Full PDB file with SEQRES, HELIX, SHEET, SSBOND, CRYST1, ORIGX, SCALE, CONECT and MASTER records, all heavy atoms in Angstrom:
SEQRES   1 A   39  PHE ALA ALA ARG PRO GLN MET LEU ASN ALA ASN VAL LEU          
SEQRES   2 A   39  GLY VAL PHE VAL ARG GLN VAL VAL PRO LEU GLY ILE LEU          
SEQRES   3 A   39  VAL LEU GLY GLN LEU LEU VAL MET ARG VAL LYS SER ILE          
HELIX    1 AA1 PRO A    5  LEU A    8  5                                   4    
HELIX    2 AA2 ALA A   10  GLN A   19  1                                  10    
HELIX    3 AA3 VAL A   21  ARG A   35  1                                  15    
CRYST1    1.000    1.000    1.000  90.00  90.00  90.00 P 1           1          
ORIGX1      1.000000  0.000000  0.000000        0.00000                         
ORIGX2      0.000000  1.000000  0.000000        0.00000                         
ORIGX3      0.000000  0.000000  1.000000        0.00000                         
SCALE1      1.000000  0.000000  0.000000        0.00000                         
SCALE2      0.000000  1.000000  0.000000        0.00000                         
SCALE3      0.000000  0.000000  1.000000        0.00000                         
ATOM      1  N   PHE A   1       0.801  16.452   6.041  1.00  0.00           N  
ATOM      2  CA  PHE A   1      -0.092  17.437   6.669  1.00  0.00           C  
ATOM      3  C   PHE A   1       0.608  18.785   6.813  1.00  0.00           C  
ATOM      4  O   PHE A   1      -0.004  19.838   6.613  1.00  0.00           O  
ATOM      5  CB  PHE A   1      -0.549  16.927   8.037  1.00  0.00           C  
ATOM      6  CG  PHE A   1      -1.436  17.896   8.766  1.00  0.00           C  
ATOM      7  CD1 PHE A   1      -2.774  18.038   8.409  1.00  0.00           C  
ATOM      8  CD2 PHE A   1      -0.940  18.675   9.810  1.00  0.00           C  
ATOM      9  CE1 PHE A   1      -3.594  18.937   9.072  1.00  0.00           C  
ATOM     10  CE2 PHE A   1      -1.752  19.573  10.473  1.00  0.00           C  
ATOM     11  CZ  PHE A   1      -3.089  19.703  10.110  1.00  0.00           C  
ATOM     12  N   ALA A   2       1.895  18.745   7.143  1.00  0.00           N  
ATOM     13  CA  ALA A   2       2.641  19.992   7.339  1.00  0.00           C  
ATOM     14  C   ALA A   2       3.013  20.663   6.019  1.00  0.00           C  
ATOM     15  O   ALA A   2       2.975  21.888   5.907  1.00  0.00           O  
ATOM     16  CB  ALA A   2       3.908  19.718   8.153  1.00  0.00           C  
ATOM     17  N   ALA A   3       3.368  19.853   5.011  1.00  0.00           N  
ATOM     18  CA  ALA A   3       3.874  20.419   3.763  1.00  0.00           C  
ATOM     19  C   ALA A   3       2.799  20.595   2.691  1.00  0.00           C  
ATOM     20  O   ALA A   3       2.796  21.597   1.977  1.00  0.00           O  
ATOM     21  CB  ALA A   3       5.000  19.535   3.212  1.00  0.00           C  
ATOM     22  N   ARG A   4       1.901  19.633   2.556  1.00  0.00           N  
ATOM     23  CA  ARG A   4       0.850  19.689   1.529  1.00  0.00           C  
ATOM     24  C   ARG A   4      -0.464  19.173   2.097  1.00  0.00           C  
ATOM     25  O   ARG A   4      -0.932  18.087   1.758  1.00  0.00           O  
ATOM     26  CB  ARG A   4       1.250  18.833   0.316  1.00  0.00           C  
ATOM     27  CG  ARG A   4       2.489  19.277  -0.433  1.00  0.00           C  
ATOM     28  CD  ARG A   4       2.242  20.537  -1.251  1.00  0.00           C  
ATOM     29  NE  ARG A   4       3.349  20.766  -2.173  1.00  0.00           N  
ATOM     30  CZ  ARG A   4       4.488  21.333  -1.824  1.00  0.00           C  
ATOM     31  NH1 ARG A   4       4.668  21.727  -0.567  1.00  0.00           N  
ATOM     32  NH2 ARG A   4       5.452  21.522  -2.722  1.00  0.00           N  
ATOM     33  N   PRO A   5      -1.095  19.917   2.985  1.00  0.00           N  
ATOM     34  CA  PRO A   5      -2.341  19.428   3.604  1.00  0.00           C  
ATOM     35  C   PRO A   5      -3.449  19.142   2.604  1.00  0.00           C  
ATOM     36  O   PRO A   5      -4.311  18.295   2.842  1.00  0.00           O  
ATOM     37  CB  PRO A   5      -2.726  20.564   4.558  1.00  0.00           C  
ATOM     38  CG  PRO A   5      -1.989  21.764   4.056  1.00  0.00           C  
ATOM     39  CD  PRO A   5      -0.718  21.254   3.454  1.00  0.00           C  
ATOM     40  N   GLN A   6      -3.420  19.828   1.452  1.00  0.00           N  
ATOM     41  CA  GLN A   6      -4.459  19.591   0.445  1.00  0.00           C  
ATOM     42  C   GLN A   6      -4.381  18.190  -0.157  1.00  0.00           C  
ATOM     43  O   GLN A   6      -5.355  17.681  -0.709  1.00  0.00           O  
ATOM     44  CB  GLN A   6      -4.370  20.642  -0.670  1.00  0.00           C  
ATOM     45  CG  GLN A   6      -3.109  20.574  -1.511  1.00  0.00           C  
ATOM     46  CD  GLN A   6      -1.963  21.376  -0.919  1.00  0.00           C  
ATOM     47  OE1 GLN A   6      -1.980  21.699   0.260  1.00  0.00           O  
ATOM     48  NE2 GLN A   6      -0.987  21.717  -1.757  1.00  0.00           N  
ATOM     49  N   MET A   7      -3.223  17.532  -0.023  1.00  0.00           N  
ATOM     50  CA  MET A   7      -3.067  16.187  -0.577  1.00  0.00           C  
ATOM     51  C   MET A   7      -3.688  15.121   0.312  1.00  0.00           C  
ATOM     52  O   MET A   7      -3.746  13.952  -0.079  1.00  0.00           O  
ATOM     53  CB  MET A   7      -1.588  15.877  -0.790  1.00  0.00           C  
ATOM     54  CG  MET A   7      -0.917  16.780  -1.815  1.00  0.00           C  
ATOM     55  SD  MET A   7       0.785  16.304  -2.191  1.00  0.00           S  
ATOM     56  CE  MET A   7       0.517  14.787  -3.098  1.00  0.00           C  
ATOM     57  N   LEU A   8      -4.130  15.491   1.507  1.00  0.00           N  
ATOM     58  CA  LEU A   8      -4.765  14.523   2.393  1.00  0.00           C  
ATOM     59  C   LEU A   8      -6.252  14.365   2.100  1.00  0.00           C  
ATOM     60  O   LEU A   8      -6.967  13.724   2.858  1.00  0.00           O  
ATOM     61  CB  LEU A   8      -4.553  14.944   3.858  1.00  0.00           C  
ATOM     62  CG  LEU A   8      -3.101  14.881   4.341  1.00  0.00           C  
ATOM     63  CD1 LEU A   8      -2.992  15.351   5.782  1.00  0.00           C  
ATOM     64  CD2 LEU A   8      -2.553  13.472   4.209  1.00  0.00           C  
ATOM     65  N   ASN A   9      -6.691  14.943   1.008  1.00  0.00           N  
ATOM     66  CA  ASN A   9      -8.056  14.744   0.545  1.00  0.00           C  
ATOM     67  C   ASN A   9      -8.280  13.270   0.214  1.00  0.00           C  
ATOM     68  O   ASN A   9      -7.414  12.604  -0.353  1.00  0.00           O  
ATOM     69  CB  ASN A   9      -8.300  15.617  -0.692  1.00  0.00           C  
ATOM     70  CG  ASN A   9      -9.693  15.455  -1.259  1.00  0.00           C  
ATOM     71  OD1 ASN A   9      -9.967  14.497  -1.982  1.00  0.00           O  
ATOM     72  ND2 ASN A   9     -10.566  16.381  -0.927  1.00  0.00           N  
ATOM     73  N   ALA A  10      -9.456  12.752   0.585  1.00  0.00           N  
ATOM     74  CA  ALA A  10      -9.736  11.322   0.403  1.00  0.00           C  
ATOM     75  C   ALA A  10      -9.634  10.896  -1.056  1.00  0.00           C  
ATOM     76  O   ALA A  10      -9.131   9.807  -1.367  1.00  0.00           O  
ATOM     77  CB  ALA A  10     -11.128  10.996   0.954  1.00  0.00           C  
ATOM     78  N   ASN A  11     -10.095  11.742  -1.983  1.00  0.00           N  
ATOM     79  CA  ASN A  11     -10.028  11.393  -3.403  1.00  0.00           C  
ATOM     80  C   ASN A  11      -8.589  11.317  -3.889  1.00  0.00           C  
ATOM     81  O   ASN A  11      -8.221  10.417  -4.649  1.00  0.00           O  
ATOM     82  CB  ASN A  11     -10.798  12.416  -4.233  1.00  0.00           C  
ATOM     83  CG  ASN A  11     -12.297  12.324  -4.013  1.00  0.00           C  
ATOM     84  OD1 ASN A  11     -12.824  11.242  -3.773  1.00  0.00           O  
ATOM     85  ND2 ASN A  11     -12.977  13.449  -4.087  1.00  0.00           N  
ATOM     86  N   VAL A  12      -7.760  12.262  -3.427  1.00  0.00           N  
ATOM     87  CA  VAL A  12      -6.352  12.271  -3.829  1.00  0.00           C  
ATOM     88  C   VAL A  12      -5.629  11.055  -3.258  1.00  0.00           C  
ATOM     89  O   VAL A  12      -4.884  10.365  -3.955  1.00  0.00           O  
ATOM     90  CB  VAL A  12      -5.660  13.570  -3.365  1.00  0.00           C  
ATOM     91  CG1 VAL A  12      -4.170  13.531  -3.683  1.00  0.00           C  
ATOM     92  CG2 VAL A  12      -6.309  14.784  -4.026  1.00  0.00           C  
ATOM     93  N   LEU A  13      -5.863  10.788  -1.976  1.00  0.00           N  
ATOM     94  CA  LEU A  13      -5.216   9.635  -1.349  1.00  0.00           C  
ATOM     95  C   LEU A  13      -5.657   8.335  -2.008  1.00  0.00           C  
ATOM     96  O   LEU A  13      -4.866   7.391  -2.140  1.00  0.00           O  
ATOM     97  CB  LEU A  13      -5.542   9.604   0.144  1.00  0.00           C  
ATOM     98  CG  LEU A  13      -4.934  10.715   1.007  1.00  0.00           C  
ATOM     99  CD1 LEU A  13      -5.326  10.526   2.464  1.00  0.00           C  
ATOM    100  CD2 LEU A  13      -3.415  10.741   0.880  1.00  0.00           C  
ATOM    101  N   GLY A  14      -6.928   8.271  -2.407  1.00  0.00           N  
ATOM    102  CA  GLY A  14      -7.434   7.069  -3.065  1.00  0.00           C  
ATOM    103  C   GLY A  14      -6.685   6.769  -4.352  1.00  0.00           C  
ATOM    104  O   GLY A  14      -6.413   5.602  -4.667  1.00  0.00           O  
ATOM    105  N   VAL A  15      -6.326   7.823  -5.094  1.00  0.00           N  
ATOM    106  CA  VAL A  15      -5.579   7.640  -6.343  1.00  0.00           C  
ATOM    107  C   VAL A  15      -4.196   7.074  -6.049  1.00  0.00           C  
ATOM    108  O   VAL A  15      -3.729   6.147  -6.719  1.00  0.00           O  
ATOM    109  CB  VAL A  15      -5.459   8.980  -7.098  1.00  0.00           C  
ATOM    110  CG1 VAL A  15      -4.518   8.834  -8.295  1.00  0.00           C  
ATOM    111  CG2 VAL A  15      -6.830   9.448  -7.563  1.00  0.00           C  
ATOM    112  N   PHE A  16      -3.519   7.627  -5.024  1.00  0.00           N  
ATOM    113  CA  PHE A  16      -2.186   7.138  -4.679  1.00  0.00           C  
ATOM    114  C   PHE A  16      -2.229   5.690  -4.176  1.00  0.00           C  
ATOM    115  O   PHE A  16      -1.402   4.859  -4.569  1.00  0.00           O  
ATOM    116  CB  PHE A  16      -1.550   8.030  -3.607  1.00  0.00           C  
ATOM    117  CG  PHE A  16      -1.162   9.392  -4.108  1.00  0.00           C  
ATOM    118  CD1 PHE A  16      -1.541  10.529  -3.422  1.00  0.00           C  
ATOM    119  CD2 PHE A  16      -0.427   9.527  -5.266  1.00  0.00           C  
ATOM    120  CE1 PHE A  16      -1.183  11.778  -3.879  1.00  0.00           C  
ATOM    121  CE2 PHE A  16      -0.064  10.785  -5.737  1.00  0.00           C  
ATOM    122  CZ  PHE A  16      -0.446  11.916  -5.050  1.00  0.00           C  
ATOM    123  N   VAL A  17      -3.184   5.405  -3.309  1.00  0.00           N  
ATOM    124  CA  VAL A  17      -3.264   4.063  -2.728  1.00  0.00           C  
ATOM    125  C   VAL A  17      -3.619   3.039  -3.794  1.00  0.00           C  
ATOM    126  O   VAL A  17      -3.111   1.909  -3.779  1.00  0.00           O  
ATOM    127  CB  VAL A  17      -4.294   4.043  -1.576  1.00  0.00           C  
ATOM    128  CG1 VAL A  17      -4.512   2.620  -1.070  1.00  0.00           C  
ATOM    129  CG2 VAL A  17      -3.827   4.940  -0.432  1.00  0.00           C  
ATOM    130  N   ARG A  18      -4.461   3.433  -4.749  1.00  0.00           N  
ATOM    131  CA  ARG A  18      -4.855   2.509  -5.818  1.00  0.00           C  
ATOM    132  C   ARG A  18      -3.646   2.000  -6.591  1.00  0.00           C  
ATOM    133  O   ARG A  18      -3.624   0.845  -7.028  1.00  0.00           O  
ATOM    134  CB  ARG A  18      -5.828   3.215  -6.762  1.00  0.00           C  
ATOM    135  CG  ARG A  18      -6.387   2.322  -7.855  1.00  0.00           C  
ATOM    136  CD  ARG A  18      -7.339   3.082  -8.746  1.00  0.00           C  
ATOM    137  NE  ARG A  18      -6.682   4.190  -9.420  1.00  0.00           N  
ATOM    138  CZ  ARG A  18      -7.287   4.982 -10.306  1.00  0.00           C  
ATOM    139  NH1 ARG A  18      -8.563   4.795 -10.588  1.00  0.00           N  
ATOM    140  NH2 ARG A  18      -6.633   5.973 -10.880  1.00  0.00           N  
ATOM    141  N   GLN A  19      -2.614   2.834  -6.724  1.00  0.00           N  
ATOM    142  CA  GLN A  19      -1.440   2.446  -7.502  1.00  0.00           C  
ATOM    143  C   GLN A  19      -0.617   1.346  -6.827  1.00  0.00           C  
ATOM    144  O   GLN A  19       0.152   0.653  -7.494  1.00  0.00           O  
ATOM    145  CB  GLN A  19      -0.550   3.673  -7.758  1.00  0.00           C  
ATOM    146  CG  GLN A  19      -1.224   4.789  -8.524  1.00  0.00           C  
ATOM    147  CD  GLN A  19      -1.805   4.326  -9.854  1.00  0.00           C  
ATOM    148  OE1 GLN A  19      -1.161   3.599 -10.616  1.00  0.00           O  
ATOM    149  NE2 GLN A  19      -3.031   4.737 -10.139  1.00  0.00           N  
ATOM    150  N   VAL A  20      -0.744   1.189  -5.507  1.00  0.00           N  
ATOM    151  CA  VAL A  20       0.059   0.177  -4.813  1.00  0.00           C  
ATOM    152  C   VAL A  20      -0.735  -1.092  -4.518  1.00  0.00           C  
ATOM    153  O   VAL A  20      -0.235  -1.982  -3.832  1.00  0.00           O  
ATOM    154  CB  VAL A  20       0.655   0.733  -3.494  1.00  0.00           C  
ATOM    155  CG1 VAL A  20       1.583   1.893  -3.774  1.00  0.00           C  
ATOM    156  CG2 VAL A  20      -0.432   1.130  -2.500  1.00  0.00           C  
ATOM    157  N   VAL A  21      -1.956  -1.180  -5.035  1.00  0.00           N  
ATOM    158  CA  VAL A  21      -2.767  -2.378  -4.790  1.00  0.00           C  
ATOM    159  C   VAL A  21      -2.084  -3.654  -5.294  1.00  0.00           C  
ATOM    160  O   VAL A  21      -2.077  -4.666  -4.588  1.00  0.00           O  
ATOM    161  CB  VAL A  21      -4.176  -2.214  -5.401  1.00  0.00           C  
ATOM    162  CG1 VAL A  21      -4.934  -3.536  -5.380  1.00  0.00           C  
ATOM    163  CG2 VAL A  21      -4.963  -1.159  -4.619  1.00  0.00           C  
ATOM    164  N   PRO A  22      -1.476  -3.655  -6.509  1.00  0.00           N  
ATOM    165  CA  PRO A  22      -0.764  -4.880  -6.926  1.00  0.00           C  
ATOM    166  C   PRO A  22       0.321  -5.291  -5.939  1.00  0.00           C  
ATOM    167  O   PRO A  22       0.474  -6.477  -5.632  1.00  0.00           O  
ATOM    168  CB  PRO A  22      -0.171  -4.492  -8.289  1.00  0.00           C  
ATOM    169  CG  PRO A  22      -1.072  -3.423  -8.794  1.00  0.00           C  
ATOM    170  CD  PRO A  22      -1.484  -2.642  -7.592  1.00  0.00           C  
ATOM    171  N   LEU A  23       1.067  -4.315  -5.439  1.00  0.00           N  
ATOM    172  CA  LEU A  23       2.085  -4.608  -4.427  1.00  0.00           C  
ATOM    173  C   LEU A  23       1.435  -5.161  -3.165  1.00  0.00           C  
ATOM    174  O   LEU A  23       1.931  -6.133  -2.571  1.00  0.00           O  
ATOM    175  CB  LEU A  23       2.883  -3.341  -4.102  1.00  0.00           C  
ATOM    176  CG  LEU A  23       3.871  -3.434  -2.932  1.00  0.00           C  
ATOM    177  CD1 LEU A  23       4.929  -4.500  -3.189  1.00  0.00           C  
ATOM    178  CD2 LEU A  23       4.518  -2.076  -2.673  1.00  0.00           C  
ATOM    179  N   GLY A  24       0.335  -4.574  -2.739  1.00  0.00           N  
ATOM    180  CA  GLY A  24      -0.351  -5.038  -1.534  1.00  0.00           C  
ATOM    181  C   GLY A  24      -0.822  -6.471  -1.642  1.00  0.00           C  
ATOM    182  O   GLY A  24      -0.730  -7.243  -0.682  1.00  0.00           O  
ATOM    183  N   ILE A  25      -1.323  -6.843  -2.822  1.00  0.00           N  
ATOM    184  CA  ILE A  25      -1.783  -8.221  -3.016  1.00  0.00           C  
ATOM    185  C   ILE A  25      -0.599  -9.180  -3.048  1.00  0.00           C  
ATOM    186  O   ILE A  25      -0.648 -10.280  -2.484  1.00  0.00           O  
ATOM    187  CB  ILE A  25      -2.615  -8.326  -4.304  1.00  0.00           C  
ATOM    188  CG1 ILE A  25      -3.889  -7.469  -4.178  1.00  0.00           C  
ATOM    189  CG2 ILE A  25      -2.987  -9.774  -4.597  1.00  0.00           C  
ATOM    190  CD1 ILE A  25      -4.703  -7.374  -5.448  1.00  0.00           C  
ATOM    191  N   LEU A  26       0.489  -8.759  -3.701  1.00  0.00           N  
ATOM    192  CA  LEU A  26       1.688  -9.597  -3.737  1.00  0.00           C  
ATOM    193  C   LEU A  26       2.243  -9.809  -2.328  1.00  0.00           C  
ATOM    194  O   LEU A  26       2.754 -10.889  -2.005  1.00  0.00           O  
ATOM    195  CB  LEU A  26       2.742  -8.952  -4.633  1.00  0.00           C  
ATOM    196  CG  LEU A  26       3.911  -9.843  -5.083  1.00  0.00           C  
ATOM    197  CD1 LEU A  26       3.405 -11.000  -5.933  1.00  0.00           C  
ATOM    198  CD2 LEU A  26       4.937  -9.020  -5.854  1.00  0.00           C  
ATOM    199  N   VAL A  27       2.127  -8.809  -1.481  1.00  0.00           N  
ATOM    200  CA  VAL A  27       2.595  -8.906  -0.090  1.00  0.00           C  
ATOM    201  C   VAL A  27       1.836  -9.989   0.672  1.00  0.00           C  
ATOM    202  O   VAL A  27       2.396 -10.659   1.540  1.00  0.00           O  
ATOM    203  CB  VAL A  27       2.471  -7.537   0.611  1.00  0.00           C  
ATOM    204  CG1 VAL A  27       2.498  -7.680   2.133  1.00  0.00           C  
ATOM    205  CG2 VAL A  27       3.602  -6.617   0.170  1.00  0.00           C  
ATOM    206  N   LEU A  28       0.564 -10.191   0.350  1.00  0.00           N  
ATOM    207  CA  LEU A  28      -0.218 -11.221   1.030  1.00  0.00           C  
ATOM    208  C   LEU A  28       0.384 -12.610   0.809  1.00  0.00           C  
ATOM    209  O   LEU A  28       0.393 -13.448   1.717  1.00  0.00           O  
ATOM    210  CB  LEU A  28      -1.667 -11.198   0.539  1.00  0.00           C  
ATOM    211  CG  LEU A  28      -2.468  -9.940   0.887  1.00  0.00           C  
ATOM    212  CD1 LEU A  28      -3.858 -10.010   0.267  1.00  0.00           C  
ATOM    213  CD2 LEU A  28      -2.574  -9.762   2.392  1.00  0.00           C  
ATOM    214  N   GLY A  29       0.888 -12.855  -0.389  1.00  0.00           N  
ATOM    215  CA  GLY A  29       1.567 -14.126  -0.648  1.00  0.00           C  
ATOM    216  C   GLY A  29       2.941 -14.160  -0.010  1.00  0.00           C  
ATOM    217  O   GLY A  29       3.356 -15.196   0.527  1.00  0.00           O  
ATOM    218  N   GLN A  30       3.635 -13.020  -0.050  1.00  0.00           N  
ATOM    219  CA  GLN A  30       4.977 -12.970   0.523  1.00  0.00           C  
ATOM    220  C   GLN A  30       4.969 -13.199   2.030  1.00  0.00           C  
ATOM    221  O   GLN A  30       5.797 -13.937   2.568  1.00  0.00           O  
ATOM    222  CB  GLN A  30       5.612 -11.605   0.212  1.00  0.00           C  
ATOM    223  CG  GLN A  30       7.110 -11.539   0.455  1.00  0.00           C  
ATOM    224  CD  GLN A  30       7.873 -12.412  -0.514  1.00  0.00           C  
ATOM    225  OE1 GLN A  30       8.316 -13.502  -0.164  1.00  0.00           O  
ATOM    226  NE2 GLN A  30       8.023 -11.943  -1.752  1.00  0.00           N  
ATOM    227  N   LEU A  31       4.025 -12.583   2.723  1.00  0.00           N  
ATOM    228  CA  LEU A  31       3.983 -12.758   4.185  1.00  0.00           C  
ATOM    229  C   LEU A  31       3.652 -14.197   4.553  1.00  0.00           C  
ATOM    230  O   LEU A  31       4.095 -14.710   5.591  1.00  0.00           O  
ATOM    231  CB  LEU A  31       3.000 -11.775   4.821  1.00  0.00           C  
ATOM    232  CG  LEU A  31       1.487 -11.944   4.604  1.00  0.00           C  
ATOM    233  CD1 LEU A  31       0.855 -12.882   5.615  1.00  0.00           C  
ATOM    234  CD2 LEU A  31       0.798 -10.576   4.685  1.00  0.00           C  
ATOM    235  N   LEU A  32       2.891 -14.859   3.674  1.00  0.00           N  
ATOM    236  CA  LEU A  32       2.523 -16.247   3.946  1.00  0.00           C  
ATOM    237  C   LEU A  32       3.741 -17.156   3.868  1.00  0.00           C  
ATOM    238  O   LEU A  32       3.971 -17.980   4.771  1.00  0.00           O  
ATOM    239  CB  LEU A  32       1.445 -16.688   2.955  1.00  0.00           C  
ATOM    240  CG  LEU A  32       0.783 -18.047   3.195  1.00  0.00           C  
ATOM    241  CD1 LEU A  32       0.170 -18.110   4.582  1.00  0.00           C  
ATOM    242  CD2 LEU A  32      -0.272 -18.307   2.129  1.00  0.00           C  
ATOM    243  N   VAL A  33       4.550 -17.023   2.815  1.00  0.00           N  
ATOM    244  CA  VAL A  33       5.721 -17.896   2.693  1.00  0.00           C  
ATOM    245  C   VAL A  33       6.799 -17.518   3.701  1.00  0.00           C  
ATOM    246  O   VAL A  33       7.524 -18.387   4.198  1.00  0.00           O  
ATOM    247  CB  VAL A  33       6.288 -17.883   1.257  1.00  0.00           C  
ATOM    248  CG1 VAL A  33       5.301 -18.489   0.287  1.00  0.00           C  
ATOM    249  CG2 VAL A  33       6.671 -16.476   0.806  1.00  0.00           C  
ATOM    250  N   MET A  34       6.897 -16.238   4.034  1.00  0.00           N  
ATOM    251  CA  MET A  34       7.877 -15.842   5.040  1.00  0.00           C  
ATOM    252  C   MET A  34       7.492 -16.349   6.423  1.00  0.00           C  
ATOM    253  O   MET A  34       8.362 -16.617   7.261  1.00  0.00           O  
ATOM    254  CB  MET A  34       8.058 -14.323   5.038  1.00  0.00           C  
ATOM    255  CG  MET A  34       8.842 -13.825   3.824  1.00  0.00           C  
ATOM    256  SD  MET A  34       9.061 -12.027   3.760  1.00  0.00           S  
ATOM    257  CE  MET A  34      10.129 -11.754   5.169  1.00  0.00           C  
ATOM    258  N   ARG A  35       6.200 -16.502   6.656  1.00  0.00           N  
ATOM    259  CA  ARG A  35       5.756 -17.059   7.938  1.00  0.00           C  
ATOM    260  C   ARG A  35       6.193 -18.520   8.089  1.00  0.00           C  
ATOM    261  O   ARG A  35       6.312 -19.016   9.214  1.00  0.00           O  
ATOM    262  CB  ARG A  35       4.239 -16.961   8.059  1.00  0.00           C  
ATOM    263  CG  ARG A  35       3.690 -15.571   8.344  1.00  0.00           C  
ATOM    264  CD  ARG A  35       3.979 -15.125   9.762  1.00  0.00           C  
ATOM    265  NE  ARG A  35       3.404 -16.024  10.743  1.00  0.00           N  
ATOM    266  CZ  ARG A  35       2.160 -15.942  11.202  1.00  0.00           C  
ATOM    267  NH1 ARG A  35       1.350 -14.999  10.767  1.00  0.00           N  
ATOM    268  NH2 ARG A  35       1.731 -16.805  12.105  1.00  0.00           N  
ATOM    269  N   VAL A  36       6.398 -19.226   6.973  1.00  0.00           N  
ATOM    270  CA  VAL A  36       6.881 -20.616   7.045  1.00  0.00           C  
ATOM    271  C   VAL A  36       8.369 -20.678   6.724  1.00  0.00           C  
ATOM    272  O   VAL A  36       8.887 -21.686   6.237  1.00  0.00           O  
ATOM    273  CB  VAL A  36       6.077 -21.560   6.120  1.00  0.00           C  
ATOM    274  CG1 VAL A  36       4.643 -21.664   6.580  1.00  0.00           C  
ATOM    275  CG2 VAL A  36       6.159 -21.110   4.669  1.00  0.00           C  
ATOM    276  N   LYS A  37       9.067 -19.567   6.950  1.00  0.00           N  
ATOM    277  CA  LYS A  37      10.523 -19.474   6.798  1.00  0.00           C  
ATOM    278  C   LYS A  37      10.984 -19.736   5.372  1.00  0.00           C  
ATOM    279  O   LYS A  37      11.979 -20.420   5.139  1.00  0.00           O  
ATOM    280  CB  LYS A  37      11.219 -20.415   7.778  1.00  0.00           C  
ATOM    281  CG  LYS A  37      10.899 -20.114   9.239  1.00  0.00           C  
ATOM    282  CD  LYS A  37      11.716 -20.944  10.192  1.00  0.00           C  
ATOM    283  CE  LYS A  37      11.417 -20.547  11.648  1.00  0.00           C  
ATOM    284  NZ  LYS A  37      12.241 -21.294  12.613  1.00  0.00           N  
ATOM    285  N   SER A  38      10.243 -19.183   4.405  1.00  0.00           N  
ATOM    286  CA  SER A  38      10.629 -19.288   3.007  1.00  0.00           C  
ATOM    287  C   SER A  38      10.528 -17.897   2.390  1.00  0.00           C  
ATOM    288  O   SER A  38      10.383 -16.898   3.108  1.00  0.00           O  
ATOM    289  CB  SER A  38       9.718 -20.289   2.285  1.00  0.00           C  
ATOM    290  OG  SER A  38      10.209 -20.567   0.992  1.00  0.00           O  
ATOM    291  N   ILE A  39      10.623 -17.830   1.079  1.00  0.00           N  
ATOM    292  CA  ILE A  39      10.525 -16.549   0.377  1.00  0.00           C  
ATOM    293  C   ILE A  39      10.137 -16.830  -1.062  1.00  0.00           C  
ATOM    294  O   ILE A  39      10.371 -17.935  -1.585  1.00  0.00           O  
ATOM    295  CB  ILE A  39      11.868 -15.778   0.459  1.00  0.00           C  
ATOM    296  CG1 ILE A  39      11.669 -14.292   0.149  1.00  0.00           C  
ATOM    297  CG2 ILE A  39      12.912 -16.404  -0.471  1.00  0.00           C  
ATOM    298  CD1 ILE A  39      12.878 -13.444   0.480  1.00  0.00           C  
TER     299      ILE A  39                                                      
MASTER        0    0    0    3    0    0    0    6  298    1    0    3          
END                                                                             
């Protein structure tokens, strides 16, 4: 917000967030096994 407020546009943020969706889905499995003390 302080350095590049124009990047907080919903369309721009959507592009950035879309790139980490594979990581986000992988995290769902990781948190599950870590909850049972595994990895």
